Amino acid sequence: MQGLRKCFQWLRSVKSQALRGFVAGAAAMALLPAAFAAGPFPSRPIEFWIPFPPGGPTDASLRTLLNAASKEIGQQIIPVNKPGAGATLAASVMAQSAAPDGHVLSMVASNIFRMPHLQKTPYDPLKDFTYIMGLTNYRYGIVVRADAKWKNLEEFLADAKANPRKMTYGSVGIASSGHIAMEKLAKAAGASMTFVPYKGGAEELTALMAGEVDAVLDPGWGQYVTSGKLRPLAIVGEARFPRFKDIPTLKELGYDVTASSMVGIVGPKGMDPKVVKTLHDAFKKATQDPAYQKALQVIDLEEVYLSSEDYTRFAGEQYERERRVVQQLEIKLN
């Protein structure tokens, strides 16, 4: 402001009316809000951060969605894989480093709401994100190799009970929905197993088929069941899978254990509502793309649309649900 006052003082001393008009106009432009010069959105390619390694089922379906959304929004949406921290690293780094202009987005799942109740996190899910759209819901199940000796869940749990800590299972990340569900099941059955965390679905399913773990509790295994490589023992949800209707749920087998995880799109806090709407509308149209719909069927993802307003409300409710669940758990992060 000091420099601006000097500018206007000098302006009064200038004799040329044309020069006075030019300088006055430039000074006035300097006072305009930055948004005036921001231009239309998007002004460049958009980065979409994925919290898993490349090649997994979620990664594959999201890349198909991003391709369709790029056509809708008129700019390329580039997938960037940032695995780590129990599938929360991508959103966490985005919240701390990205500008709220809509050109950096991230996928999140339920872990983002759970981690703050388990350890100190560099983000607050209620304050540090702009919730753009809820996309899908993971469908979970327990799978073993097709040649495994366990033909059903009861045989599997009986073996785990008879051999404490000797049997191993995998899931994506410590304190993930799969990890928690299996620990709940083991406790209910009076069994104990050793947990092996993985960074992504492709990694854990490859490990299972290679015999590195005995079982996996997570989504995304359907294609390996249909190809004869894996055997499902139980569905860990409220209902059976549409294409695996002969596989019972844990509830049907007498265990009140379920797992679910909403997959959604977020940006940094403080985004312009107009930018949020542009992104929401582009992604919503993209979800109807035939290639994306087919990708959801391949990995048995349930399409569950939430608007920006509904997703924001869901985030607050999910944060409280996760707090209550964590209070009942004995799982500790080392």
C-alpha atoms as a PDB file:
ATOM      1  CA  MET A   1       0.000   0.000   0.000  1.00  0.00           C
ATOM      2  CA  GLN A   2       2.944   2.378   0.705  1.00  0.00           C
ATOM      3  CA  GLY A   3       4.230   1.843  -2.836  1.00  0.00           C
ATOM      4  CA  LEU A   4       0.750   2.348  -4.269  1.00  0.00           C
ATOM      5  CA  ARG A   5       0.332   5.722  -2.518  1.00  0.00           C
ATOM      6  CA  LYS A   6       3.659   6.862  -3.969  1.00  0.00           C
ATOM      7  CA  CYS A   7       2.477   5.725  -7.390  1.00  0.00           C
ATOM      8  CA  PHE A   8      -0.658   7.878  -7.193  1.00  0.00           C
ATOM      9  CA  GLN A   9       1.351  10.855  -5.888  1.00  0.00           C
ATOM     10  CA  TRP A  10       3.624  10.552  -8.915  1.00  0.00           C
ATOM     11  CA  LEU A  11       0.554  10.165 -11.127  1.00  0.00           C
ATOM     12  CA  ARG A  12      -0.732  13.586 -10.056  1.00  0.00           C
ATOM     13  CA  SER A  13       2.564  15.104 -11.172  1.00  0.00           C
ATOM     14  CA  VAL A  14       2.347  13.577 -14.648  1.00  0.00           C
ATOM     15  CA  LYS A  15       1.172  16.112 -17.251  1.00  0.00           C
ATOM     16  CA  SER A  16       0.167  13.679 -20.000  1.00  0.00           C
ATOM     17  CA  GLN A  17      -3.497  12.702 -19.664  1.00  0.00           C
ATOM     18  CA  ALA A  18      -2.884   9.520 -21.688  1.00  0.00           C
ATOM     19  CA  LEU A  19      -0.037   8.460 -19.412  1.00  0.00           C
ATOM     20  CA  ARG A  20      -2.118   9.224 -16.333  1.00  0.00           C
ATOM     21  CA  GLY A  21      -4.894   7.007 -17.694  1.00  0.00           C
ATOM     22  CA  PHE A  22      -2.508   4.112 -18.356  1.00  0.00           C
ATOM     23  CA  VAL A  23      -0.888   4.234 -14.927  1.00  0.00           C
ATOM     24  CA  ALA A  24      -4.245   4.583 -13.167  1.00  0.00           C
ATOM     25  CA  GLY A  25      -5.593   1.581 -15.020  1.00  0.00           C
ATOM     26  CA  ALA A  26      -2.558  -0.529 -14.134  1.00  0.00           C
ATOM     27  CA  ALA A  27      -2.819   0.435 -10.479  1.00  0.00           C
ATOM     28  CA  ALA A  28      -6.520  -0.440 -10.410  1.00  0.00           C
ATOM     29  CA  MET A  29      -5.822  -3.848 -11.960  1.00  0.00           C
ATOM     30  CA  ALA A  30      -3.276  -4.533  -9.217  1.00  0.00           C
ATOM     31  CA  LEU A  31      -6.049  -4.177  -6.655  1.00  0.00           C
ATOM     32  CA  LEU A  32      -8.387  -6.684  -8.316  1.00  0.00           C
ATOM     33  CA  PRO A  33      -8.764 -10.119  -6.675  1.00  0.00           C
ATOM     34  CA  ALA A  34      -6.562 -12.891  -8.048  1.00  0.00           C
ATOM     35  CA  ALA A  35      -9.652 -14.848  -9.147  1.00  0.00           C
ATOM     36  CA  PHE A  36     -10.335 -12.185 -11.812  1.00  0.00           C
ATOM     37  CA  ALA A  37      -7.200 -13.231 -13.697  1.00  0.00           C
ATOM     38  CA  ALA A  38      -7.490 -16.947 -12.962  1.00  0.00           C
ATOM     39  CA  GLY A  39      -9.251 -17.770 -16.214  1.00  0.00           C
ATOM     40  CA  PRO A  40     -11.552 -20.707 -16.957  1.00  0.00           C
ATOM     41  CA  PHE A  41     -11.149 -24.071 -15.232  1.00  0.00           C
ATOM     42  CA  PRO A  42      -9.381 -26.323 -16.016  1.00  0.00           C
ATOM     43  CA  SER A  43      -6.490 -24.366 -17.481  1.00  0.00           C
ATOM     44  CA  ARG A  44      -4.061 -27.296 -17.621  1.00  0.00           C
ATOM     45  CA  PRO A  45      -3.995 -31.088 -17.130  1.00  0.00           C
ATOM     46  CA  ILE A  46      -5.330 -32.369 -13.805  1.00  0.00           C
ATOM     47  CA  GLU A  47      -3.395 -34.779 -11.601  1.00  0.00           C
ATOM     48  CA  PHE A  48      -5.408 -37.526  -9.927  1.00  0.00           C
ATOM     49  CA  TRP A  49      -3.520 -39.219  -7.110  1.00  0.00           C
ATOM     50  CA  ILE A  50      -4.236 -42.908  -6.517  1.00  0.00           C
ATOM     51  CA  PRO A  51      -3.236 -44.352  -3.104  1.00  0.00           C
ATOM     52  CA  PHE A  52      -2.260 -47.764  -4.524  1.00  0.00           C
ATOM     53  CA  PRO A  53       0.535 -49.090  -6.748  1.00  0.00           C
ATOM     54  CA  PRO A  54      -0.200 -49.403 -10.481  1.00  0.00           C
ATOM     55  CA  GLY A  55      -1.738 -52.605 -11.784  1.00  0.00           C
ATOM     56  CA  GLY A  56      -4.253 -53.351  -9.046  1.00  0.00           C
ATOM     57  CA  PRO A  57      -8.014 -53.640  -9.525  1.00  0.00           C
ATOM     58  CA  THR A  58      -8.829 -50.190  -8.117  1.00  0.00           C
ATOM     59  CA  ASP A  59      -6.048 -48.586 -10.117  1.00  0.00           C
ATOM     60  CA  ALA A  60      -7.334 -50.174 -13.328  1.00  0.00           C
ATOM     61  CA  SER A  61     -10.930 -49.061 -12.811  1.00  0.00           C
ATOM     62  CA  LEU A  62      -9.886 -45.505 -11.899  1.00  0.00           C
ATOM     63  CA  ARG A  63      -7.709 -45.171 -14.977  1.00  0.00           C
ATOM     64  CA  THR A  64     -10.718 -46.108 -17.096  1.00  0.00           C
ATOM     65  CA  LEU A  65     -12.810 -43.496 -15.297  1.00  0.00           C
ATOM     66  CA  LEU A  66     -10.133 -40.809 -15.685  1.00  0.00           C
ATOM     67  CA  ASN A  67      -9.964 -41.456 -19.406  1.00  0.00           C
ATOM     68  CA  ALA A  68     -13.713 -40.905 -19.725  1.00  0.00           C
ATOM     69  CA  ALA A  69     -13.687 -37.861 -17.432  1.00  0.00           C
ATOM     70  CA  SER A  70     -10.867 -36.277 -19.462  1.00  0.00           C
ATOM     71  CA  LYS A  71     -13.146 -36.215 -22.488  1.00  0.00           C
ATOM     72  CA  GLU A  72     -15.944 -34.631 -20.465  1.00  0.00           C
ATOM     73  CA  ILE A  73     -13.861 -31.877 -18.880  1.00  0.00           C
ATOM     74  CA  GLY A  74     -11.711 -31.011 -21.886  1.00  0.00           C
ATOM     75  CA  GLN A  75      -8.310 -31.588 -20.259  1.00  0.00           C
ATOM     76  CA  GLN A  76      -6.261 -34.698 -19.634  1.00  0.00           C
ATOM     77  CA  ILE A  77      -6.642 -36.156 -16.137  1.00  0.00           C
ATOM     78  CA  ILE A  78      -3.364 -37.863 -15.326  1.00  0.00           C
ATOM     79  CA  PRO A  79      -3.232 -40.797 -12.858  1.00  0.00           C
ATOM     80  CA  VAL A  80      -0.385 -40.534 -10.335  1.00  0.00           C
ATOM     81  CA  ASN A  81       0.217 -43.514  -8.035  1.00  0.00           C
ATOM     82  CA  LYS A  82       1.175 -42.596  -4.454  1.00  0.00           C
ATOM     83  CA  PRO A  83       0.865 -45.731  -2.294  1.00  0.00           C
ATOM     84  CA  GLY A  84       1.707 -45.830   1.381  1.00  0.00           C
ATOM     85  CA  ALA A  85       0.504 -45.049   4.914  1.00  0.00           C
ATOM     86  CA  GLY A  86      -2.347 -47.536   4.705  1.00  0.00           C
ATOM     87  CA  ALA A  87      -3.690 -46.009   1.476  1.00  0.00           C
ATOM     88  CA  THR A  88      -3.827 -42.513   3.013  1.00  0.00           C
ATOM     89  CA  LEU A  89      -0.534 -41.061   1.751  1.00  0.00           C
ATOM     90  CA  ALA A  90      -1.924 -39.629  -1.488  1.00  0.00           C
ATOM     91  CA  ALA A  91      -4.696 -37.586   0.110  1.00  0.00           C
ATOM     92  CA  SER A  92      -2.500 -36.612   3.053  1.00  0.00           C
ATOM     93  CA  VAL A  93       0.247 -35.169   0.846  1.00  0.00           C
ATOM     94  CA  MET A  94      -2.313 -33.488  -1.389  1.00  0.00           C
ATOM     95  CA  ALA A  95      -3.940 -31.768   1.603  1.00  0.00           C
ATOM     96  CA  GLN A  96      -0.590 -30.380   2.710  1.00  0.00           C
ATOM     97  CA  SER A  97       0.897 -29.362  -0.631  1.00  0.00           C
ATOM     98  CA  ALA A  98      -1.647 -28.859  -3.418  1.00  0.00           C
ATOM     99  CA  ALA A  99      -3.272 -25.558  -4.316  1.00  0.00           C
ATOM    100  CA  PRO A 100      -7.087 -25.561  -4.018  1.00  0.00           C
ATOM    101  CA  ASP A 101      -7.547 -24.749  -7.708  1.00  0.00           C
ATOM    102  CA  GLY A 102      -8.860 -28.174  -8.726  1.00  0.00           C
ATOM    103  CA  HIS A 103      -5.798 -29.282 -10.668  1.00  0.00           C
ATOM    104  CA  VAL A 104      -4.747 -31.871  -8.060  1.00  0.00           C
ATOM    105  CA  LEU A 105      -7.277 -34.418  -6.773  1.00  0.00           C
ATOM    106  CA  SER A 106      -7.072 -37.678  -4.856  1.00  0.00           C
ATOM    107  CA  MET A 107      -9.013 -40.873  -4.340  1.00  0.00           C
ATOM    108  CA  VAL A 108      -9.858 -41.744  -0.742  1.00  0.00           C
ATOM    109  CA  ALA A 109     -11.438 -44.712   1.020  1.00  0.00           C
ATOM    110  CA  SER A 110     -12.519 -45.356   4.605  1.00  0.00           C
ATOM    111  CA  ASN A 111      -8.947 -45.465   5.923  1.00  0.00           C
ATOM    112  CA  ILE A 112      -8.766 -41.703   5.608  1.00  0.00           C
ATOM    113  CA  PHE A 113     -11.398 -41.401   8.341  1.00  0.00           C
ATOM    114  CA  ARG A 114      -9.979 -44.180  10.527  1.00  0.00           C
ATOM    115  CA  MET A 115      -6.298 -43.295  10.771  1.00  0.00           C
ATOM    116  CA  PRO A 116      -6.748 -40.111  12.835  1.00  0.00           C
ATOM    117  CA  HIS A 117      -8.306 -42.257  15.578  1.00  0.00           C
ATOM    118  CA  LEU A 118      -5.327 -44.627  15.590  1.00  0.00           C
ATOM    119  CA  GLN A 119      -2.386 -42.246  15.375  1.00  0.00           C
ATOM    120  CA  LYS A 120      -1.480 -38.622  14.865  1.00  0.00           C
ATOM    121  CA  THR A 121      -1.993 -37.661  11.231  1.00  0.00           C
ATOM    122  CA  PRO A 122      -0.881 -34.561   9.299  1.00  0.00           C
ATOM    123  CA  TYR A 123      -4.439 -34.034   8.077  1.00  0.00           C
ATOM    124  CA  ASP A 124      -7.901 -33.597   9.554  1.00  0.00           C
ATOM    125  CA  PRO A 125     -10.519 -35.295   7.348  1.00  0.00           C
ATOM    126  CA  LEU A 126     -13.182 -32.842   8.497  1.00  0.00           C
ATOM    127  CA  LYS A 127     -11.154 -29.706   7.737  1.00  0.00           C
ATOM    128  CA  ASP A 128      -8.499 -30.419   5.128  1.00  0.00           C
ATOM    129  CA  PHE A 129     -10.462 -31.813   2.181  1.00  0.00           C
ATOM    130  CA  THR A 130     -13.113 -30.678  -0.272  1.00  0.00           C
ATOM    131  CA  TYR A 131     -15.424 -33.625  -0.928  1.00  0.00           C
ATOM    132  CA  ILE A 132     -16.302 -33.760  -4.611  1.00  0.00           C
ATOM    133  CA  MET A 133     -18.123 -37.039  -5.247  1.00  0.00           C
ATOM    134  CA  GLY A 134     -18.716 -40.515  -3.842  1.00  0.00           C
ATOM    135  CA  LEU A 135     -18.072 -43.157  -6.503  1.00  0.00           C
ATOM    136  CA  THR A 136     -18.288 -46.756  -5.395  1.00  0.00           C
ATOM    137  CA  ASN A 137     -18.247 -49.131  -2.462  1.00  0.00           C
ATOM    138  CA  TYR A 138     -15.798 -51.993  -2.095  1.00  0.00           C
ATOM    139  CA  ARG A 139     -17.240 -55.496  -1.800  1.00  0.00           C
ATOM    140  CA  TYR A 140     -15.116 -57.640   0.502  1.00  0.00           C
ATOM    141  CA  GLY A 141     -14.608 -61.374   0.704  1.00  0.00           C
ATOM    142  CA  ILE A 142     -12.285 -64.030   2.112  1.00  0.00           C
ATOM    143  CA  VAL A 143     -10.400 -65.967  -0.545  1.00  0.00           C
ATOM    144  CA  VAL A 144      -7.795 -68.737  -0.562  1.00  0.00           C
ATOM    145  CA  ARG A 145      -5.948 -70.502  -3.360  1.00  0.00           C
ATOM    146  CA  ALA A 146      -8.054 -72.820  -5.457  1.00  0.00           C
ATOM    147  CA  ASP A 147      -5.884 -75.773  -4.409  1.00  0.00           C
ATOM    148  CA  ALA A 148      -6.014 -74.915  -0.680  1.00  0.00           C
ATOM    149  CA  LYS A 149      -7.112 -77.658   1.687  1.00  0.00           C
ATOM    150  CA  TRP A 150      -9.948 -75.538   3.135  1.00  0.00           C
ATOM    151  CA  LYS A 151     -13.184 -76.070   1.235  1.00  0.00           C
ATOM    152  CA  ASN A 152     -15.270 -73.755   3.425  1.00  0.00           C
ATOM    153  CA  LEU A 153     -14.942 -71.113   6.135  1.00  0.00           C
ATOM    154  CA  GLU A 154     -15.460 -73.486   9.043  1.00  0.00           C
ATOM    155  CA  GLU A 155     -12.526 -75.649   7.981  1.00  0.00           C
ATOM    156  CA  PHE A 156     -10.383 -72.549   7.623  1.00  0.00           C
ATOM    157  CA  LEU A 157     -11.293 -71.177  11.064  1.00  0.00           C
ATOM    158  CA  ALA A 158     -10.911 -74.591  12.720  1.00  0.00           C
ATOM    159  CA  ASP A 159      -7.375 -74.814  11.389  1.00  0.00           C
ATOM    160  CA  ALA A 160      -6.604 -71.274  12.552  1.00  0.00           C
ATOM    161  CA  LYS A 161      -7.949 -72.107  16.006  1.00  0.00           C
ATOM    162  CA  ALA A 162      -5.899 -75.297  16.237  1.00  0.00           C
ATOM    163  CA  ASN A 163      -2.710 -73.534  15.092  1.00  0.00           C
ATOM    164  CA  PRO A 164      -2.575 -70.102  16.778  1.00  0.00           C
ATOM    165  CA  ARG A 165      -0.671 -67.448  14.797  1.00  0.00           C
ATOM    166  CA  LYS A 166       0.644 -69.966  12.264  1.00  0.00           C
ATOM    167  CA  MET A 167      -1.842 -69.157   9.520  1.00  0.00           C
ATOM    168  CA  THR A 168      -1.337 -65.895   7.663  1.00  0.00           C
ATOM    169  CA  TYR A 169      -3.664 -63.524   5.849  1.00  0.00           C
ATOM    170  CA  GLY A 170      -3.171 -60.369   3.829  1.00  0.00           C
ATOM    171  CA  SER A 171      -4.978 -57.087   3.333  1.00  0.00           C
ATOM    172  CA  VAL A 172      -4.081 -53.649   2.021  1.00  0.00           C
ATOM    173  CA  GLY A 173      -2.471 -51.729   4.862  1.00  0.00           C
ATOM    174  CA  ILE A 174      -2.492 -51.844   8.631  1.00  0.00           C
ATOM    175  CA  ALA A 175      -5.872 -50.901  10.095  1.00  0.00           C
ATOM    176  CA  SER A 176      -7.544 -51.283   6.695  1.00  0.00           C
ATOM    177  CA  SER A 177     -11.140 -52.460   6.517  1.00  0.00           C
ATOM    178  CA  GLY A 178      -9.943 -55.955   5.575  1.00  0.00           C
ATOM    179  CA  HIS A 179      -7.489 -56.090   8.472  1.00  0.00           C
ATOM    180  CA  ILE A 180     -10.111 -55.021  10.983  1.00  0.00           C
ATOM    181  CA  ALA A 181     -12.766 -57.402   9.628  1.00  0.00           C
ATOM    182  CA  MET A 182     -10.461 -60.432   9.810  1.00  0.00           C
ATOM    183  CA  GLU A 183      -9.383 -59.596  13.357  1.00  0.00           C
ATOM    184  CA  LYS A 184     -13.040 -59.301  14.358  1.00  0.00           C
ATOM    185  CA  LEU A 185     -13.810 -62.650  12.736  1.00  0.00           C
ATOM    186  CA  ALA A 186     -10.841 -64.354  14.401  1.00  0.00           C
ATOM    187  CA  LYS A 187     -11.876 -63.000  17.784  1.00  0.00           C
ATOM    188  CA  ALA A 188     -15.471 -64.157  17.310  1.00  0.00           C
ATOM    189  CA  ALA A 189     -14.274 -67.636  16.281  1.00  0.00           C
ATOM    190  CA  GLY A 190     -11.708 -67.911  19.081  1.00  0.00           C
ATOM    191  CA  ALA A 191      -8.856 -68.104  16.567  1.00  0.00           C
ATOM    192  CA  SER A 192      -5.697 -66.115  15.936  1.00  0.00           C
ATOM    193  CA  MET A 193      -3.775 -65.480  12.724  1.00  0.00           C
ATOM    194  CA  THR A 194      -0.790 -63.433  11.615  1.00  0.00           C
ATOM    195  CA  PHE A 195      -1.516 -60.347   9.549  1.00  0.00           C
ATOM    196  CA  VAL A 196       0.647 -59.412   6.555  1.00  0.00           C
ATOM    197  CA  PRO A 197       0.029 -55.893   5.173  1.00  0.00           C
ATOM    198  CA  TYR A 198       0.407 -55.056   1.487  1.00  0.00           C
ATOM    199  CA  LYS A 199       0.482 -51.777  -0.433  1.00  0.00           C
ATOM    200  CA  GLY A 200      -2.117 -52.754  -3.012  1.00  0.00           C
ATOM    201  CA  GLY A 201      -4.546 -55.353  -4.289  1.00  0.00           C
ATOM    202  CA  ALA A 202      -2.343 -56.659  -7.111  1.00  0.00           C
ATOM    203  CA  GLU A 203       0.519 -57.244  -4.703  1.00  0.00           C
ATOM    204  CA  GLU A 204      -1.524 -59.104  -2.116  1.00  0.00           C
ATOM    205  CA  LEU A 205      -3.384 -61.314  -4.606  1.00  0.00           C
ATOM    206  CA  THR A 206      -0.128 -62.201  -6.339  1.00  0.00           C
ATOM    207  CA  ALA A 207       1.325 -63.108  -2.939  1.00  0.00           C
ATOM    208  CA  LEU A 208      -1.695 -65.295  -2.192  1.00  0.00           C
ATOM    209  CA  MET A 209      -1.445 -67.171  -5.483  1.00  0.00           C
ATOM    210  CA  ALA A 210       2.298 -67.632  -4.885  1.00  0.00           C
ATOM    211  CA  GLY A 211       1.644 -69.195  -1.481  1.00  0.00           C
ATOM    212  CA  GLU A 212       3.168 -66.367   0.565  1.00  0.00           C
ATOM    213  CA  VAL A 213      -0.023 -66.037   2.644  1.00  0.00           C
ATOM    214  CA  ASP A 214      -2.861 -68.447   3.343  1.00  0.00           C
ATOM    215  CA  ALA A 215      -5.778 -66.091   2.718  1.00  0.00           C
ATOM    216  CA  VAL A 216      -6.752 -62.555   1.749  1.00  0.00           C
ATOM    217  CA  LEU A 217      -9.655 -60.500   3.020  1.00  0.00           C
ATOM    218  CA  ASP A 218     -10.199 -57.659   0.570  1.00  0.00           C
ATOM    219  CA  PRO A 219     -12.069 -56.755  -2.633  1.00  0.00           C
ATOM    220  CA  GLY A 220     -10.988 -57.195  -6.253  1.00  0.00           C
ATOM    221  CA  TRP A 221     -10.488 -60.972  -6.460  1.00  0.00           C
ATOM    222  CA  GLY A 222     -13.470 -61.928  -8.635  1.00  0.00           C
ATOM    223  CA  GLN A 223     -11.546 -62.369 -11.894  1.00  0.00           C
ATOM    224  CA  TYR A 224      -9.168 -64.823 -10.205  1.00  0.00           C
ATOM    225  CA  VAL A 225     -12.079 -66.877  -8.921  1.00  0.00           C
ATOM    226  CA  THR A 226     -13.690 -67.112 -12.356  1.00  0.00           C
ATOM    227  CA  SER A 227     -10.323 -68.075 -13.871  1.00  0.00           C
ATOM    228  CA  GLY A 228      -9.975 -70.919 -11.353  1.00  0.00           C
ATOM    229  CA  LYS A 229      -7.011 -69.545  -9.393  1.00  0.00           C
ATOM    230  CA  LEU A 230      -8.760 -68.616  -6.147  1.00  0.00           C
ATOM    231  CA  ARG A 231     -11.612 -69.980  -4.027  1.00  0.00           C
ATOM    232  CA  PRO A 232     -13.964 -67.694  -2.067  1.00  0.00           C
ATOM    233  CA  LEU A 233     -14.904 -68.862   1.427  1.00  0.00           C
ATOM    234  CA  ALA A 234     -17.267 -66.098   2.502  1.00  0.00           C
ATOM    235  CA  ILE A 235     -18.584 -62.670   1.565  1.00  0.00           C
ATOM    236  CA  VAL A 236     -17.813 -59.998   4.157  1.00  0.00           C
ATOM    237  CA  GLY A 237     -20.788 -57.747   3.546  1.00  0.00           C
ATOM    238  CA  GLU A 238     -24.509 -57.352   4.062  1.00  0.00           C
ATOM    239  CA  ALA A 239     -25.437 -59.324   0.937  1.00  0.00           C
ATOM    240  CA  ARG A 240     -24.017 -61.892  -1.461  1.00  0.00           C
ATOM    241  CA  PHE A 241     -22.238 -60.780  -4.628  1.00  0.00           C
ATOM    242  CA  PRO A 242     -24.452 -60.661  -7.724  1.00  0.00           C
ATOM    243  CA  ARG A 243     -22.161 -62.996  -9.687  1.00  0.00           C
ATOM    244  CA  PHE A 244     -21.172 -65.213  -6.732  1.00  0.00           C
ATOM    245  CA  LYS A 245     -24.612 -65.931  -5.364  1.00  0.00           C
ATOM    246  CA  ASP A 246     -23.615 -69.348  -4.026  1.00  0.00           C
ATOM    247  CA  ILE A 247     -21.038 -67.855  -1.617  1.00  0.00           C
ATOM    248  CA  PRO A 248     -22.590 -67.087   1.799  1.00  0.00           C
ATOM    249  CA  THR A 249     -21.978 -63.975   3.874  1.00  0.00           C
ATOM    250  CA  LEU A 250     -20.310 -64.119   7.270  1.00  0.00           C
ATOM    251  CA  LYS A 251     -23.638 -63.157   8.827  1.00  0.00           C
ATOM    252  CA  GLU A 252     -25.287 -66.165   7.219  1.00  0.00           C
ATOM    253  CA  LEU A 253     -22.540 -68.317   8.706  1.00  0.00           C
ATOM    254  CA  GLY A 254     -23.176 -66.935  12.184  1.00  0.00           C
ATOM    255  CA  TYR A 255     -20.568 -64.168  12.410  1.00  0.00           C
ATOM    256  CA  ASP A 256     -21.796 -60.590  12.735  1.00  0.00           C
ATOM    257  CA  VAL A 257     -18.878 -59.111  10.798  1.00  0.00           C
ATOM    258  CA  THR A 258     -19.023 -56.909   7.705  1.00  0.00           C
ATOM    259  CA  ALA A 259     -16.606 -54.681   5.838  1.00  0.00           C
ATOM    260  CA  SER A 260     -17.251 -51.807   3.462  1.00  0.00           C
ATOM    261  CA  SER A 261     -15.348 -48.809   2.198  1.00  0.00           C
ATOM    262  CA  MET A 262     -16.665 -45.894   0.190  1.00  0.00           C
ATOM    263  CA  VAL A 263     -14.388 -44.815  -2.649  1.00  0.00           C
ATOM    264  CA  GLY A 264     -14.569 -41.125  -3.451  1.00  0.00           C
ATOM    265  CA  ILE A 265     -12.853 -38.097  -4.945  1.00  0.00           C
ATOM    266  CA  VAL A 266     -11.495 -35.218  -2.856  1.00  0.00           C
ATOM    267  CA  GLY A 267      -9.488 -32.077  -3.387  1.00  0.00           C
ATOM    268  CA  PRO A 268      -7.681 -29.724  -1.009  1.00  0.00           C
ATOM    269  CA  LYS A 269      -9.714 -27.564   1.334  1.00  0.00           C
ATOM    270  CA  GLY A 270     -11.024 -24.211   0.141  1.00  0.00           C
ATOM    271  CA  MET A 271     -11.929 -25.068  -3.433  1.00  0.00           C
ATOM    272  CA  ASP A 272     -14.200 -22.758  -5.405  1.00  0.00           C
ATOM    273  CA  PRO A 273     -17.741 -24.246  -5.475  1.00  0.00           C
ATOM    274  CA  LYS A 274     -17.904 -23.591  -9.224  1.00  0.00           C
ATOM    275  CA  VAL A 275     -14.763 -25.673  -9.772  1.00  0.00           C
ATOM    276  CA  VAL A 276     -16.169 -28.414  -7.552  1.00  0.00           C
ATOM    277  CA  LYS A 277     -19.354 -28.492  -9.630  1.00  0.00           C
ATOM    278  CA  THR A 278     -17.388 -28.665 -12.886  1.00  0.00           C
ATOM    279  CA  LEU A 279     -15.399 -31.625 -11.580  1.00  0.00           C
ATOM    280  CA  HIS A 280     -18.448 -33.328 -10.079  1.00  0.00           C
ATOM    281  CA  ASP A 281     -20.449 -33.044 -13.288  1.00  0.00           C
ATOM    282  CA  ALA A 282     -17.597 -34.358 -15.437  1.00  0.00           C
ATOM    283  CA  PHE A 283     -16.970 -37.359 -13.198  1.00  0.00           C
ATOM    284  CA  LYS A 284     -20.669 -38.131 -12.846  1.00  0.00           C
ATOM    285  CA  LYS A 285     -21.071 -38.283 -16.631  1.00  0.00           C
ATOM    286  CA  ALA A 286     -17.903 -40.366 -16.893  1.00  0.00           C
ATOM    287  CA  THR A 287     -19.307 -43.022 -14.549  1.00  0.00           C
ATOM    288  CA  GLN A 288     -21.813 -43.937 -17.251  1.00  0.00           C
ATOM    289  CA  ASP A 289     -19.048 -44.741 -19.740  1.00  0.00           C
ATOM    290  CA  PRO A 290     -19.477 -48.389 -20.890  1.00  0.00           C
ATOM    291  CA  ALA A 291     -15.785 -49.192 -20.364  1.00  0.00           C
ATOM    292  CA  TYR A 292     -15.945 -47.958 -16.774  1.00  0.00           C
ATOM    293  CA  GLN A 293     -19.155 -49.853 -16.079  1.00  0.00           C
ATOM    294  CA  LYS A 294     -17.477 -53.015 -17.342  1.00  0.00           C
ATOM    295  CA  ALA A 295     -14.434 -52.346 -15.142  1.00  0.00           C
ATOM    296  CA  LEU A 296     -16.690 -52.158 -12.073  1.00  0.00           C
ATOM    297  CA  GLN A 297     -18.208 -55.528 -12.915  1.00  0.00           C
ATOM    298  CA  VAL A 298     -14.809 -57.164 -13.372  1.00  0.00           C
ATOM    299  CA  ILE A 299     -13.721 -56.298  -9.824  1.00  0.00           C
ATOM    300  CA  ASP A 300     -17.210 -56.405  -8.264  1.00  0.00           C
ATOM    301  CA  LEU A 301     -17.307 -52.776  -7.173  1.00  0.00           C
ATOM    302  CA  GLU A 302     -20.727 -51.504  -6.156  1.00  0.00           C
ATOM    303  CA  GLU A 303     -21.658 -48.178  -7.750  1.00  0.00           C
ATOM    304  CA  VAL A 304     -22.828 -45.837  -4.972  1.00  0.00           C
ATOM    305  CA  TYR A 305     -23.153 -42.229  -6.115  1.00  0.00           C
ATOM    306  CA  LEU A 306     -22.925 -39.397  -3.591  1.00  0.00           C
ATOM    307  CA  SER A 307     -23.188 -35.742  -4.584  1.00  0.00           C
ATOM    308  CA  SER A 308     -20.695 -33.212  -3.213  1.00  0.00           C
ATOM    309  CA  GLU A 309     -23.132 -32.245  -0.446  1.00  0.00           C
ATOM    310  CA  ASP A 310     -24.000 -35.855   0.416  1.00  0.00           C
ATOM    311  CA  TYR A 311     -20.361 -36.906   0.363  1.00  0.00           C
ATOM    312  CA  THR A 312     -19.427 -34.071   2.727  1.00  0.00           C
ATOM    313  CA  ARG A 313     -22.166 -35.180   5.096  1.00  0.00           C
ATOM    314  CA  PHE A 314     -21.068 -38.816   4.770  1.00  0.00           C
ATOM    315  CA  ALA A 315     -17.502 -37.828   5.692  1.00  0.00           C
ATOM    316  CA  GLY A 316     -18.627 -36.409   9.027  1.00  0.00           C
ATOM    317  CA  GLU A 317     -20.764 -39.441   9.791  1.00  0.00           C
ATOM    318  CA  GLN A 318     -18.050 -41.904   8.744  1.00  0.00           C
ATOM    319  CA  TYR A 319     -15.467 -40.151  10.897  1.00  0.00           C
ATOM    320  CA  GLU A 320     -17.670 -40.737  13.946  1.00  0.00           C
ATOM    321  CA  ARG A 321     -18.405 -44.348  12.945  1.00  0.00           C
ATOM    322  CA  GLU A 322     -14.700 -45.062  12.659  1.00  0.00           C
ATOM    323  CA  ARG A 323     -14.065 -43.471  16.052  1.00  0.00           C
ATOM    324  CA  ARG A 324     -16.566 -45.833  17.654  1.00  0.00           C
ATOM    325  CA  VAL A 325     -15.107 -48.863  15.865  1.00  0.00           C
ATOM    326  CA  VAL A 326     -11.557 -48.009  16.906  1.00  0.00           C
ATOM    327  CA  GLN A 327     -12.634 -47.710  20.534  1.00  0.00           C
ATOM    328  CA  GLN A 328     -13.777 -51.337  20.392  1.00  0.00           C
ATOM    329  CA  LEU A 329     -10.586 -52.659  18.742  1.00  0.00           C
ATOM    330  CA  GLU A 330      -7.388 -53.972  20.224  1.00  0.00           C
ATOM    331  CA  ILE A 331      -5.455 -53.274  17.022  1.00  0.00           C
ATOM    332  CA  LYS A 332      -2.457 -51.008  17.636  1.00  0.00           C
ATOM    333  CA  LEU A 333      -0.248 -49.269  15.111  1.00  0.00           C
ATOM    334  CA  ASN A 334       3.440 -49.855  15.748  1.00  0.00           C
END
